[in-house]
Amino acid sequence: MLADVDEGGAAFFSCASCLRARWLPDGLSVASLSRCCDVPDAQVVMVCGGARVASQLLQAGVATQVDLAALGVDLEGGSELLRVARAARVNADALLEWVTYARGRELDEVMHDVLAPPLPEQRAWDVALLFSRLEERAGVSTPADLIAAPIETTLLPALQGLNLTARDLVLMRAKAKARLAQSPPWMALAKLSFPTSAFTLNVDSGGAVSADADTVDVGLLGVALQTMQEHPNISAAGESVRYLYRISCNVVDSPGDARYRRLRVDNRAYVAHVLGVRGASLGFEALGWVESPDGSTYVLPEDAHISSATTDVIMDCMKGLIAQAASQTVGRKGHSPDAKL
């Protein structure tokens, strides 16, 4: 039999089958639960933004963030993703975003483990700084990237000044290979080429951006992203940066497709993620979007170019907001007896 337990303002329930006391996620009632295994995983709750949706996914067989990340990302008729979307009664496009988000979180967790010092008490380095350098200067975001990137020409130059040796990197790559051997196939994808130094804009002596660089106003984009990070609602800011990232990736992947260069101002996503968050409109301006003469749409001109280096900058901002939101969530739930739920 279930019973409510009130400790420090948090909601708990007692499981009738194992007599354990468990934290009750916001959005679920005690009446909807009967066993410990009916409680959705806290990581899935965070990824999909609510305990109720996470419960629906749990009933469809998706119990953990690992399960969510392992779903196929195609939207073909007989795909696993569509099967789960129907069983959980959720939108397939939304489920696809959650899968992508879950994969990013899984990759970050694996990378932090791979980059951790082997003997912290004898030799230590800042893992967060190390990971940031690898992403920014070497384009290494995944274990597969780390394995594929050349040590002498790519990894060591990117990590200059951090007192890491080639031997340290060899050990990290060995850990990455071991993790990939136990990981799902999607995690084994790697980039085909890597930069040899930090990204810098190609600017000629007259101050103009050269033809092989993008046309983004980098200074304005930095101001926009900083303003978005300071928005009072971190969740809304994160969704806004994700929206900016998604439309930029569409342009990078299909630069000649006119569909990705026009947005209606009455589009619900545009209204929520651009007009509803401070700094987002500046981000659009920095990327080159301009308002149409009749004011009904925003258009990215044909001569405006966005490179993958710009999307990487936006991705870094998005990861920072995710980490900030996660730390706040941990702070709110830190009094729970089982914070990993």
C-alpha atoms as a PDB file:
ATOM      1  CA  MET A   1       0.000   0.000   0.000  1.00  0.00           C
ATOM      2  CA  LEU A   2       1.283   3.484  -0.899  1.00  0.00           C
ATOM      3  CA  ALA A   3       1.593   6.406   1.482  1.00  0.00           C
ATOM      4  CA  ASP A   4       2.702  10.012   1.124  1.00  0.00           C
ATOM      5  CA  VAL A   5       5.786  11.057   3.053  1.00  0.00           C
ATOM      6  CA  ASP A   6       6.624  14.726   3.503  1.00  0.00           C
ATOM      7  CA  GLU A   7      10.257  15.487   4.303  1.00  0.00           C
ATOM      8  CA  GLY A   8      11.577  19.003   3.878  1.00  0.00           C
ATOM      9  CA  GLY A   9       8.852  19.883   1.395  1.00  0.00           C
ATOM     10  CA  ALA A  10       9.752  17.068  -1.029  1.00  0.00           C
ATOM     11  CA  ALA A  11       7.181  14.479  -2.078  1.00  0.00           C
ATOM     12  CA  PHE A  12       7.961  10.809  -1.488  1.00  0.00           C
ATOM     13  CA  PHE A  13       6.047   7.564  -1.714  1.00  0.00           C
ATOM     14  CA  SER A  14       6.511   4.111  -0.214  1.00  0.00           C
ATOM     15  CA  CYS A  15       6.610   1.222  -2.658  1.00  0.00           C
ATOM     16  CA  ALA A  16       4.222  -1.585  -1.697  1.00  0.00           C
ATOM     17  CA  SER A  17       6.360  -4.288  -3.317  1.00  0.00           C
ATOM     18  CA  CYS A  18       9.793  -3.516  -1.852  1.00  0.00           C
ATOM     19  CA  LEU A  19       8.917  -1.051   0.965  1.00  0.00           C
ATOM     20  CA  ARG A  20      11.431   1.500  -0.309  1.00  0.00           C
ATOM     21  CA  ALA A  21      10.849   5.251  -0.007  1.00  0.00           C
ATOM     22  CA  ARG A  22      11.341   6.977  -3.350  1.00  0.00           C
ATOM     23  CA  TRP A  23      11.347  10.567  -4.566  1.00  0.00           C
ATOM     24  CA  LEU A  24       8.201  11.455  -6.516  1.00  0.00           C
ATOM     25  CA  PRO A  25       8.990  13.570  -9.612  1.00  0.00           C
ATOM     26  CA  ASP A  26       6.976  16.747 -10.140  1.00  0.00           C
ATOM     27  CA  GLY A  27       3.990  16.072 -12.386  1.00  0.00           C
ATOM     28  CA  LEU A  28       3.183  12.587 -11.052  1.00  0.00           C
ATOM     29  CA  SER A  29       0.798  11.631  -8.299  1.00  0.00           C
ATOM     30  CA  VAL A  30       1.142   8.807  -5.793  1.00  0.00           C
ATOM     31  CA  ALA A  31      -2.094   7.352  -7.150  1.00  0.00           C
ATOM     32  CA  SER A  32      -0.438   6.782 -10.538  1.00  0.00           C
ATOM     33  CA  LEU A  33       2.342   4.591  -9.085  1.00  0.00           C
ATOM     34  CA  SER A  34       2.399   1.124  -7.612  1.00  0.00           C
ATOM     35  CA  ARG A  35       6.027  -0.064  -7.870  1.00  0.00           C
ATOM     36  CA  CYS A  36       9.524   1.393  -7.795  1.00  0.00           C
ATOM     37  CA  CYS A  37       9.979   0.517 -11.436  1.00  0.00           C
ATOM     38  CA  ASP A  38       7.050   2.814 -12.310  1.00  0.00           C
ATOM     39  CA  VAL A  39       9.158   5.858 -11.374  1.00  0.00           C
ATOM     40  CA  PRO A  40      10.795   7.392 -14.476  1.00  0.00           C
ATOM     41  CA  ASP A  41      14.549   7.946 -14.517  1.00  0.00           C
ATOM     42  CA  ALA A  42      15.522  11.486 -13.463  1.00  0.00           C
ATOM     43  CA  GLN A  43      17.799  11.876 -16.498  1.00  0.00           C
ATOM     44  CA  VAL A  44      14.925  11.047 -18.857  1.00  0.00           C
ATOM     45  CA  VAL A  45      12.704  13.498 -16.978  1.00  0.00           C
ATOM     46  CA  MET A  46      15.305  16.218 -17.566  1.00  0.00           C
ATOM     47  CA  VAL A  47      15.785  15.371 -21.248  1.00  0.00           C
ATOM     48  CA  CYS A  48      12.092  15.362 -22.179  1.00  0.00           C
ATOM     49  CA  GLY A  49      11.158  18.151 -19.779  1.00  0.00           C
ATOM     50  CA  GLY A  50       8.574  16.426 -17.598  1.00  0.00           C
ATOM     51  CA  ALA A  51       7.831  13.390 -15.456  1.00  0.00           C
ATOM     52  CA  ARG A  52       4.540  12.638 -17.196  1.00  0.00           C
ATOM     53  CA  VAL A  53       6.156  12.317 -20.628  1.00  0.00           C
ATOM     54  CA  ALA A  54       9.012  10.319 -19.093  1.00  0.00           C
ATOM     55  CA  SER A  55       6.420   7.959 -17.599  1.00  0.00           C
ATOM     56  CA  GLN A  56       4.842   7.493 -21.021  1.00  0.00           C
ATOM     57  CA  LEU A  57       8.268   6.654 -22.460  1.00  0.00           C
ATOM     58  CA  LEU A  58       8.848   4.234 -19.594  1.00  0.00           C
ATOM     59  CA  GLN A  59       5.631   2.412 -20.465  1.00  0.00           C
ATOM     60  CA  ALA A  60       6.887   2.220 -24.067  1.00  0.00           C
ATOM     61  CA  GLY A  61      10.117   0.504 -22.949  1.00  0.00           C
ATOM     62  CA  VAL A  62      12.444   3.517 -22.689  1.00  0.00           C
ATOM     63  CA  ALA A  63      13.608   3.396 -19.074  1.00  0.00           C
ATOM     64  CA  THR A  64      16.898   5.312 -19.044  1.00  0.00           C
ATOM     65  CA  GLN A  65      18.812   8.023 -20.883  1.00  0.00           C
ATOM     66  CA  VAL A  66      20.909   5.241 -22.452  1.00  0.00           C
ATOM     67  CA  ASP A  67      17.733   3.632 -23.851  1.00  0.00           C
ATOM     68  CA  LEU A  68      16.575   6.984 -25.214  1.00  0.00           C
ATOM     69  CA  ALA A  69      19.928   7.713 -26.868  1.00  0.00           C
ATOM     70  CA  ALA A  70      19.982   4.244 -28.458  1.00  0.00           C
ATOM     71  CA  LEU A  71      16.766   4.790 -30.442  1.00  0.00           C
ATOM     72  CA  GLY A  72      17.235   5.074 -34.202  1.00  0.00           C
ATOM     73  CA  VAL A  73      16.965   8.636 -35.492  1.00  0.00           C
ATOM     74  CA  ASP A  74      15.251   7.917 -38.810  1.00  0.00           C
ATOM     75  CA  LEU A  75      11.571   8.713 -39.318  1.00  0.00           C
ATOM     76  CA  GLU A  76      10.805   5.967 -41.843  1.00  0.00           C
ATOM     77  CA  GLY A  77       7.563   4.034 -41.659  1.00  0.00           C
ATOM     78  CA  GLY A  78       8.773   1.033 -39.681  1.00  0.00           C
ATOM     79  CA  SER A  79      11.446   2.707 -37.561  1.00  0.00           C
ATOM     80  CA  GLU A  80      11.943   2.039 -33.883  1.00  0.00           C
ATOM     81  CA  LEU A  81      11.585   5.731 -33.129  1.00  0.00           C
ATOM     82  CA  LEU A  82       8.115   5.869 -34.680  1.00  0.00           C
ATOM     83  CA  ARG A  83       7.104   2.695 -32.848  1.00  0.00           C
ATOM     84  CA  VAL A  84       8.119   4.209 -29.507  1.00  0.00           C
ATOM     85  CA  ALA A  85       6.449   7.542 -30.364  1.00  0.00           C
ATOM     86  CA  ARG A  86       3.151   5.761 -31.029  1.00  0.00           C
ATOM     87  CA  ALA A  87       3.408   3.563 -27.935  1.00  0.00           C
ATOM     88  CA  ALA A  88       4.272   6.535 -25.696  1.00  0.00           C
ATOM     89  CA  ARG A  89       1.741   8.835 -27.413  1.00  0.00           C
ATOM     90  CA  VAL A  90       4.304  11.567 -28.072  1.00  0.00           C
ATOM     91  CA  ASN A  91       5.165  13.600 -31.152  1.00  0.00           C
ATOM     92  CA  ALA A  92       7.809  11.886 -33.304  1.00  0.00           C
ATOM     93  CA  ASP A  93       9.692  15.125 -34.033  1.00  0.00           C
ATOM     94  CA  ALA A  94       9.822  15.917 -30.326  1.00  0.00           C
ATOM     95  CA  LEU A  95      11.073  12.403 -29.592  1.00  0.00           C
ATOM     96  CA  LEU A  96      13.782  12.867 -32.222  1.00  0.00           C
ATOM     97  CA  GLU A  97      14.957  16.039 -30.438  1.00  0.00           C
ATOM     98  CA  TRP A  98      15.021  14.192 -27.114  1.00  0.00           C
ATOM     99  CA  VAL A  99      17.092  11.394 -28.631  1.00  0.00           C
ATOM    100  CA  THR A 100      19.578  13.939 -30.004  1.00  0.00           C
ATOM    101  CA  TYR A 101      19.727  15.725 -26.646  1.00  0.00           C
ATOM    102  CA  ALA A 102      20.184  12.415 -24.783  1.00  0.00           C
ATOM    103  CA  ARG A 103      23.025  11.446 -27.105  1.00  0.00           C
ATOM    104  CA  GLY A 104      24.773  14.729 -26.412  1.00  0.00           C
ATOM    105  CA  ARG A 105      24.482  14.204 -22.663  1.00  0.00           C
ATOM    106  CA  GLU A 106      25.716  10.616 -22.974  1.00  0.00           C
ATOM    107  CA  LEU A 107      28.698  11.715 -25.054  1.00  0.00           C
ATOM    108  CA  ASP A 108      29.610  14.450 -22.566  1.00  0.00           C
ATOM    109  CA  GLU A 109      29.453  11.992 -19.660  1.00  0.00           C
ATOM    110  CA  VAL A 110      31.620   9.454 -21.480  1.00  0.00           C
ATOM    111  CA  MET A 111      34.131  12.112 -22.548  1.00  0.00           C
ATOM    112  CA  HIS A 112      34.492  13.437 -18.999  1.00  0.00           C
ATOM    113  CA  ASP A 113      35.184   9.896 -17.818  1.00  0.00           C
ATOM    114  CA  VAL A 114      37.683   9.275 -20.632  1.00  0.00           C
ATOM    115  CA  LEU A 115      39.536  12.539 -19.955  1.00  0.00           C
ATOM    116  CA  ALA A 116      39.717  12.067 -16.181  1.00  0.00           C
ATOM    117  CA  PRO A 117      43.266  11.680 -14.776  1.00  0.00           C
ATOM    118  CA  PRO A 118      44.241   8.045 -14.111  1.00  0.00           C
ATOM    119  CA  LEU A 119      45.664   8.867 -10.679  1.00  0.00           C
ATOM    120  CA  PRO A 120      44.167  12.161  -9.490  1.00  0.00           C
ATOM    121  CA  GLU A 121      46.157  12.154  -6.254  1.00  0.00           C
ATOM    122  CA  GLN A 122      49.457  12.120  -8.197  1.00  0.00           C
ATOM    123  CA  ARG A 123      48.680  13.953 -11.433  1.00  0.00           C
ATOM    124  CA  ALA A 124      45.573  16.049 -12.025  1.00  0.00           C
ATOM    125  CA  TRP A 125      44.193  18.450 -14.603  1.00  0.00           C
ATOM    126  CA  ASP A 126      40.958  20.336 -15.082  1.00  0.00           C
ATOM    127  CA  VAL A 127      38.779  17.946 -17.098  1.00  0.00           C
ATOM    128  CA  ALA A 128      36.251  20.639 -18.026  1.00  0.00           C
ATOM    129  CA  LEU A 129      39.013  22.919 -19.375  1.00  0.00           C
ATOM    130  CA  LEU A 130      40.609  20.014 -21.217  1.00  0.00           C
ATOM    131  CA  PHE A 131      37.323  19.045 -22.875  1.00  0.00           C
ATOM    132  CA  SER A 132      36.611  22.669 -23.790  1.00  0.00           C
ATOM    133  CA  ARG A 133      40.037  23.019 -25.451  1.00  0.00           C
ATOM    134  CA  LEU A 134      39.557  19.800 -27.412  1.00  0.00           C
ATOM    135  CA  GLU A 135      36.167  20.931 -28.720  1.00  0.00           C
ATOM    136  CA  GLU A 136      37.186  24.485 -29.512  1.00  0.00           C
ATOM    137  CA  ARG A 137      40.646  23.953 -30.975  1.00  0.00           C
ATOM    138  CA  ALA A 138      40.660  20.371 -32.246  1.00  0.00           C
ATOM    139  CA  GLY A 139      37.005  19.711 -33.045  1.00  0.00           C
ATOM    140  CA  VAL A 140      37.013  16.682 -30.740  1.00  0.00           C
ATOM    141  CA  SER A 141      33.622  16.151 -29.088  1.00  0.00           C
ATOM    142  CA  THR A 142      33.259  12.370 -28.927  1.00  0.00           C
ATOM    143  CA  PRO A 143      35.359   9.323 -27.994  1.00  0.00           C
ATOM    144  CA  ALA A 144      35.506   8.371 -31.669  1.00  0.00           C
ATOM    145  CA  ASP A 145      36.838  11.848 -32.510  1.00  0.00           C
ATOM    146  CA  LEU A 146      39.550  11.446 -29.876  1.00  0.00           C
ATOM    147  CA  ILE A 147      40.640   8.127 -31.357  1.00  0.00           C
ATOM    148  CA  ALA A 148      40.705   9.454 -34.921  1.00  0.00           C
ATOM    149  CA  ALA A 149      42.453  12.798 -34.318  1.00  0.00           C
ATOM    150  CA  PRO A 150      46.246  12.837 -34.858  1.00  0.00           C
ATOM    151  CA  ILE A 151      48.123  13.352 -31.599  1.00  0.00           C
ATOM    152  CA  GLU A 152      51.145  15.319 -32.823  1.00  0.00           C
ATOM    153  CA  THR A 153      49.469  17.641 -35.329  1.00  0.00           C
ATOM    154  CA  THR A 154      46.035  18.136 -33.733  1.00  0.00           C
ATOM    155  CA  LEU A 155      45.709  17.114 -30.083  1.00  0.00           C
ATOM    156  CA  LEU A 156      48.994  18.342 -28.605  1.00  0.00           C
ATOM    157  CA  PRO A 157      48.828  21.806 -30.277  1.00  0.00           C
ATOM    158  CA  ALA A 158      45.243  22.229 -29.069  1.00  0.00           C
ATOM    159  CA  LEU A 159      46.254  21.379 -25.493  1.00  0.00           C
ATOM    160  CA  GLN A 160      49.408  23.467 -25.390  1.00  0.00           C
ATOM    161  CA  GLY A 161      50.006  24.945 -21.948  1.00  0.00           C
ATOM    162  CA  LEU A 162      48.037  22.290 -20.049  1.00  0.00           C
ATOM    163  CA  ASN A 163      51.146  20.160 -19.338  1.00  0.00           C
ATOM    164  CA  LEU A 164      49.751  17.035 -20.997  1.00  0.00           C
ATOM    165  CA  THR A 165      52.113  14.639 -22.755  1.00  0.00           C
ATOM    166  CA  ALA A 166      51.682  12.326 -25.716  1.00  0.00           C
ATOM    167  CA  ARG A 167      51.604   9.439 -23.252  1.00  0.00           C
ATOM    168  CA  ASP A 168      48.617  11.009 -21.454  1.00  0.00           C
ATOM    169  CA  LEU A 169      46.763  11.251 -24.748  1.00  0.00           C
ATOM    170  CA  VAL A 170      47.607   7.665 -25.683  1.00  0.00           C
ATOM    171  CA  LEU A 171      46.120   6.508 -22.371  1.00  0.00           C
ATOM    172  CA  MET A 172      43.004   8.593 -22.973  1.00  0.00           C
ATOM    173  CA  ARG A 173      42.584   7.077 -26.427  1.00  0.00           C
ATOM    174  CA  ALA A 174      42.934   3.589 -24.941  1.00  0.00           C
ATOM    175  CA  LYS A 175      40.144   4.408 -22.474  1.00  0.00           C
ATOM    176  CA  ALA A 176      38.028   5.758 -25.333  1.00  0.00           C
ATOM    177  CA  LYS A 177      38.491   2.556 -27.343  1.00  0.00           C
ATOM    178  CA  ALA A 178      37.493   0.456 -24.336  1.00  0.00           C
ATOM    179  CA  ARG A 179      34.344   2.528 -23.811  1.00  0.00           C
ATOM    180  CA  LEU A 180      33.366   2.361 -27.479  1.00  0.00           C
ATOM    181  CA  ALA A 181      33.690  -1.425 -27.418  1.00  0.00           C
ATOM    182  CA  GLN A 182      30.868  -1.473 -24.852  1.00  0.00           C
ATOM    183  CA  SER A 183      28.794   1.326 -26.393  1.00  0.00           C
ATOM    184  CA  PRO A 184      25.948   1.364 -28.954  1.00  0.00           C
ATOM    185  CA  PRO A 185      26.862   1.826 -32.641  1.00  0.00           C
ATOM    186  CA  TRP A 186      25.747   5.479 -32.819  1.00  0.00           C
ATOM    187  CA  MET A 187      28.557   6.516 -30.459  1.00  0.00           C
ATOM    188  CA  ALA A 188      31.251   5.190 -32.811  1.00  0.00           C
ATOM    189  CA  LEU A 189      30.758   7.962 -35.404  1.00  0.00           C
ATOM    190  CA  ALA A 190      33.724  10.306 -35.794  1.00  0.00           C
ATOM    191  CA  LYS A 191      34.659  13.336 -37.840  1.00  0.00           C
ATOM    192  CA  LEU A 192      36.720  12.776 -40.965  1.00  0.00           C
ATOM    193  CA  SER A 193      39.015  15.770 -40.575  1.00  0.00           C
ATOM    194  CA  PHE A 194      40.249  17.934 -37.721  1.00  0.00           C
ATOM    195  CA  PRO A 195      41.723  21.436 -37.443  1.00  0.00           C
ATOM    196  CA  THR A 196      45.341  21.766 -36.395  1.00  0.00           C
ATOM    197  CA  SER A 197      44.897  24.966 -34.387  1.00  0.00           C
ATOM    198  CA  ALA A 198      42.284  27.174 -32.779  1.00  0.00           C
ATOM    199  CA  PHE A 199      39.563  28.548 -35.058  1.00  0.00           C
ATOM    200  CA  THR A 200      40.063  32.124 -36.157  1.00  0.00           C
ATOM    201  CA  LEU A 201      38.097  34.197 -38.629  1.00  0.00           C
ATOM    202  CA  ASN A 202      39.707  34.680 -42.018  1.00  0.00           C
ATOM    203  CA  VAL A 203      39.996  38.459 -42.248  1.00  0.00           C
ATOM    204  CA  ASP A 204      42.036  40.342 -44.789  1.00  0.00           C
ATOM    205  CA  SER A 205      44.093  43.448 -44.067  1.00  0.00           C
ATOM    206  CA  GLY A 206      41.150  45.690 -44.900  1.00  0.00           C
ATOM    207  CA  GLY A 207      38.952  44.085 -42.261  1.00  0.00           C
ATOM    208  CA  ALA A 208      36.715  42.164 -44.662  1.00  0.00           C
ATOM    209  CA  VAL A 209      35.868  38.533 -44.179  1.00  0.00           C
ATOM    210  CA  SER A 210      37.498  36.393 -46.859  1.00  0.00           C
ATOM    211  CA  ALA A 211      35.465  34.313 -49.302  1.00  0.00           C
ATOM    212  CA  ASP A 212      36.122  30.956 -47.605  1.00  0.00           C
ATOM    213  CA  ALA A 213      34.810  32.148 -44.220  1.00  0.00           C
ATOM    214  CA  ASP A 214      31.257  32.730 -43.150  1.00  0.00           C
ATOM    215  CA  THR A 215      29.589  36.145 -43.107  1.00  0.00           C
ATOM    216  CA  VAL A 216      28.484  36.004 -39.484  1.00  0.00           C
ATOM    217  CA  ASP A 217      29.087  39.042 -37.285  1.00  0.00           C
ATOM    218  CA  VAL A 218      31.083  37.153 -34.649  1.00  0.00           C
ATOM    219  CA  GLY A 219      31.246  40.053 -32.202  1.00  0.00           C
ATOM    220  CA  LEU A 220      27.489  40.600 -32.288  1.00  0.00           C
ATOM    221  CA  LEU A 221      26.865  36.859 -32.027  1.00  0.00           C
ATOM    222  CA  GLY A 222      29.011  36.747 -28.879  1.00  0.00           C
ATOM    223  CA  VAL A 223      27.003  39.587 -27.338  1.00  0.00           C
ATOM    224  CA  ALA A 224      23.749  37.836 -28.300  1.00  0.00           C
ATOM    225  CA  LEU A 225      24.742  34.495 -26.793  1.00  0.00           C
ATOM    226  CA  GLN A 226      25.958  36.170 -23.600  1.00  0.00           C
ATOM    227  CA  THR A 227      22.651  38.037 -23.307  1.00  0.00           C
ATOM    228  CA  MET A 228      20.713  34.808 -23.857  1.00  0.00           C
ATOM    229  CA  GLN A 229      22.750  33.079 -21.139  1.00  0.00           C
ATOM    230  CA  GLU A 230      21.725  35.830 -18.723  1.00  0.00           C
ATOM    231  CA  HIS A 231      18.006  35.362 -19.452  1.00  0.00           C
ATOM    232  CA  PRO A 232      16.112  34.713 -16.173  1.00  0.00           C
ATOM    233  CA  ASN A 233      14.602  31.438 -17.410  1.00  0.00           C
ATOM    234  CA  ILE A 234      17.499  29.057 -18.155  1.00  0.00           C
ATOM    235  CA  SER A 235      15.210  26.462 -19.721  1.00  0.00           C
ATOM    236  CA  ALA A 236      13.726  29.004 -22.137  1.00  0.00           C
ATOM    237  CA  ALA A 237      17.208  30.319 -22.960  1.00  0.00           C
ATOM    238  CA  GLY A 238      18.439  26.794 -23.668  1.00  0.00           C
ATOM    239  CA  GLU A 239      15.534  26.106 -26.014  1.00  0.00           C
ATOM    240  CA  SER A 240      16.182  29.420 -27.768  1.00  0.00           C
ATOM    241  CA  VAL A 241      19.872  28.646 -28.303  1.00  0.00           C
ATOM    242  CA  ARG A 242      18.914  25.151 -29.504  1.00  0.00           C
ATOM    243  CA  TYR A 243      16.510  26.709 -32.021  1.00  0.00           C
ATOM    244  CA  LEU A 244      19.258  29.045 -33.229  1.00  0.00           C
ATOM    245  CA  TYR A 245      21.585  26.052 -33.537  1.00  0.00           C
ATOM    246  CA  ARG A 246      19.059  23.937 -35.448  1.00  0.00           C
ATOM    247  CA  ILE A 247      18.234  26.528 -38.098  1.00  0.00           C
ATOM    248  CA  SER A 248      21.958  27.326 -38.510  1.00  0.00           C
ATOM    249  CA  CYS A 249      22.761  23.636 -38.994  1.00  0.00           C
ATOM    250  CA  ASN A 250      20.066  23.440 -41.673  1.00  0.00           C
ATOM    251  CA  VAL A 251      21.793  26.249 -43.574  1.00  0.00           C
ATOM    252  CA  VAL A 252      25.236  24.673 -43.137  1.00  0.00           C
ATOM    253  CA  ASP A 253      24.009  21.267 -44.322  1.00  0.00           C
ATOM    254  CA  SER A 254      21.893  22.604 -47.225  1.00  0.00           C
ATOM    255  CA  PRO A 255      23.197  26.080 -48.121  1.00  0.00           C
ATOM    256  CA  GLY A 256      21.299  26.198 -51.408  1.00  0.00           C
ATOM    257  CA  ASP A 257      17.919  25.098 -50.063  1.00  0.00           C
ATOM    258  CA  ALA A 258      15.567  28.113 -49.971  1.00  0.00           C
ATOM    259  CA  ARG A 259      13.313  26.398 -47.396  1.00  0.00           C
ATOM    260  CA  TYR A 260      15.941  26.913 -44.710  1.00  0.00           C
ATOM    261  CA  ARG A 261      16.451  30.587 -45.528  1.00  0.00           C
ATOM    262  CA  ARG A 262      12.935  31.839 -44.804  1.00  0.00           C
ATOM    263  CA  LEU A 263      11.026  31.990 -41.512  1.00  0.00           C
ATOM    264  CA  ARG A 264       7.536  33.321 -40.913  1.00  0.00           C
ATOM    265  CA  VAL A 265       7.326  35.745 -38.001  1.00  0.00           C
ATOM    266  CA  ASP A 266       4.039  34.158 -36.878  1.00  0.00           C
ATOM    267  CA  ASN A 267       5.686  30.739 -36.600  1.00  0.00           C
ATOM    268  CA  ARG A 268       5.101  29.448 -33.054  1.00  0.00           C
ATOM    269  CA  ALA A 269       8.702  28.318 -32.600  1.00  0.00           C
ATOM    270  CA  TYR A 270      10.004  31.682 -33.789  1.00  0.00           C
ATOM    271  CA  VAL A 271       7.687  33.616 -31.465  1.00  0.00           C
ATOM    272  CA  ALA A 272       8.571  31.455 -28.439  1.00  0.00           C
ATOM    273  CA  HIS A 273      12.301  31.052 -28.970  1.00  0.00           C
ATOM    274  CA  VAL A 274      13.269  34.374 -30.565  1.00  0.00           C
ATOM    275  CA  LEU A 275      10.783  36.999 -29.470  1.00  0.00           C
ATOM    276  CA  GLY A 276      10.407  35.430 -26.028  1.00  0.00           C
ATOM    277  CA  VAL A 277      14.098  35.389 -25.013  1.00  0.00           C
ATOM    278  CA  ARG A 278      16.406  38.353 -24.541  1.00  0.00           C
ATOM    279  CA  GLY A 279      19.252  38.461 -27.053  1.00  0.00           C
ATOM    280  CA  ALA A 280      17.789  35.924 -29.490  1.00  0.00           C
ATOM    281  CA  SER A 281      16.840  38.556 -32.068  1.00  0.00           C
ATOM    282  CA  LEU A 282      20.416  39.869 -31.874  1.00  0.00           C
ATOM    283  CA  GLY A 283      21.599  36.354 -32.637  1.00  0.00           C
ATOM    284  CA  PHE A 284      19.459  36.267 -35.763  1.00  0.00           C
ATOM    285  CA  GLU A 285      20.835  39.633 -36.815  1.00  0.00           C
ATOM    286  CA  ALA A 286      24.406  38.446 -36.264  1.00  0.00           C
ATOM    287  CA  LEU A 287      23.801  35.391 -38.449  1.00  0.00           C
ATOM    288  CA  GLY A 288      22.580  37.629 -41.278  1.00  0.00           C
ATOM    289  CA  TRP A 289      18.791  37.235 -41.112  1.00  0.00           C
ATOM    290  CA  VAL A 290      16.856  40.302 -42.273  1.00  0.00           C
ATOM    291  CA  GLU A 291      13.180  41.191 -42.191  1.00  0.00           C
ATOM    292  CA  SER A 292      11.274  41.048 -45.484  1.00  0.00           C
ATOM    293  CA  PRO A 293       9.767  44.302 -46.863  1.00  0.00           C
ATOM    294  CA  ASP A 294       6.234  43.283 -45.885  1.00  0.00           C
ATOM    295  CA  GLY A 295       7.323  42.254 -42.390  1.00  0.00           C
ATOM    296  CA  SER A 296       5.805  38.774 -42.647  1.00  0.00           C
ATOM    297  CA  THR A 297       9.046  36.778 -42.790  1.00  0.00           C
ATOM    298  CA  TYR A 298      12.716  36.803 -41.924  1.00  0.00           C
ATOM    299  CA  VAL A 299      15.072  35.897 -44.766  1.00  0.00           C
ATOM    300  CA  LEU A 300      18.700  34.801 -44.910  1.00  0.00           C
ATOM    301  CA  PRO A 301      20.071  36.322 -48.170  1.00  0.00           C
ATOM    302  CA  GLU A 302      21.763  34.043 -50.685  1.00  0.00           C
ATOM    303  CA  ASP A 303      25.107  35.774 -50.163  1.00  0.00           C
ATOM    304  CA  ALA A 304      24.979  35.099 -46.395  1.00  0.00           C
ATOM    305  CA  HIS A 305      27.066  32.091 -45.339  1.00  0.00           C
ATOM    306  CA  ILE A 306      27.172  30.206 -42.041  1.00  0.00           C
ATOM    307  CA  SER A 307      30.030  27.794 -41.345  1.00  0.00           C
ATOM    308  CA  SER A 308      30.294  24.819 -39.012  1.00  0.00           C
ATOM    309  CA  ALA A 309      32.663  26.897 -36.855  1.00  0.00           C
ATOM    310  CA  THR A 310      29.733  29.184 -36.036  1.00  0.00           C
ATOM    311  CA  THR A 311      27.440  26.267 -35.197  1.00  0.00           C
ATOM    312  CA  ASP A 312      30.178  24.943 -32.903  1.00  0.00           C
ATOM    313  CA  VAL A 313      30.189  28.255 -31.021  1.00  0.00           C
ATOM    314  CA  ILE A 314      26.396  28.072 -30.622  1.00  0.00           C
ATOM    315  CA  MET A 315      26.682  24.430 -29.525  1.00  0.00           C
ATOM    316  CA  ASP A 316      29.199  25.419 -26.809  1.00  0.00           C
ATOM    317  CA  CYS A 317      26.747  27.997 -25.502  1.00  0.00           C
ATOM    318  CA  MET A 318      23.962  25.396 -25.503  1.00  0.00           C
ATOM    319  CA  LYS A 319      26.116  22.950 -23.535  1.00  0.00           C
ATOM    320  CA  GLY A 320      26.905  25.644 -21.014  1.00  0.00           C
ATOM    321  CA  LEU A 321      23.209  26.337 -20.468  1.00  0.00           C
ATOM    322  CA  ILE A 322      22.502  22.605 -20.141  1.00  0.00           C
ATOM    323  CA  ALA A 323      25.200  22.288 -17.490  1.00  0.00           C
ATOM    324  CA  GLN A 324      23.852  25.348 -15.681  1.00  0.00           C
ATOM    325  CA  ALA A 325      20.301  23.971 -15.710  1.00  0.00           C
ATOM    326  CA  ALA A 326      21.541  20.588 -14.510  1.00  0.00           C
ATOM    327  CA  SER A 327      23.434  22.132 -11.596  1.00  0.00           C
ATOM    328  CA  GLN A 328      20.339  24.043 -10.539  1.00  0.00           C
ATOM    329  CA  THR A 329      18.243  20.878 -10.741  1.00  0.00           C
ATOM    330  CA  VAL A 330      20.769  18.995  -8.608  1.00  0.00           C
ATOM    331  CA  GLY A 331      20.697  21.839  -6.098  1.00  0.00           C
ATOM    332  CA  ARG A 332      16.910  21.665  -5.850  1.00  0.00           C
ATOM    333  CA  LYS A 333      16.836  17.885  -5.523  1.00  0.00           C
ATOM    334  CA  GLY A 334      19.993  17.528  -3.404  1.00  0.00           C
ATOM    335  CA  HIS A 335      17.984  16.790  -0.283  1.00  0.00           C
ATOM    336  CA  SER A 336      16.434  13.718  -1.899  1.00  0.00           C
ATOM    337  CA  PRO A 337      17.593  10.358  -0.477  1.00  0.00           C
ATOM    338  CA  ASP A 338      17.994   9.008  -4.001  1.00  0.00           C
ATOM    339  CA  ALA A 339      19.098  11.911  -6.238  1.00  0.00           C
ATOM    340  CA  LYS A 340      20.061   9.594  -9.125  1.00  0.00           C
ATOM    341  CA  LEU A 341      16.470   8.518  -9.717  1.00  0.00           C
END
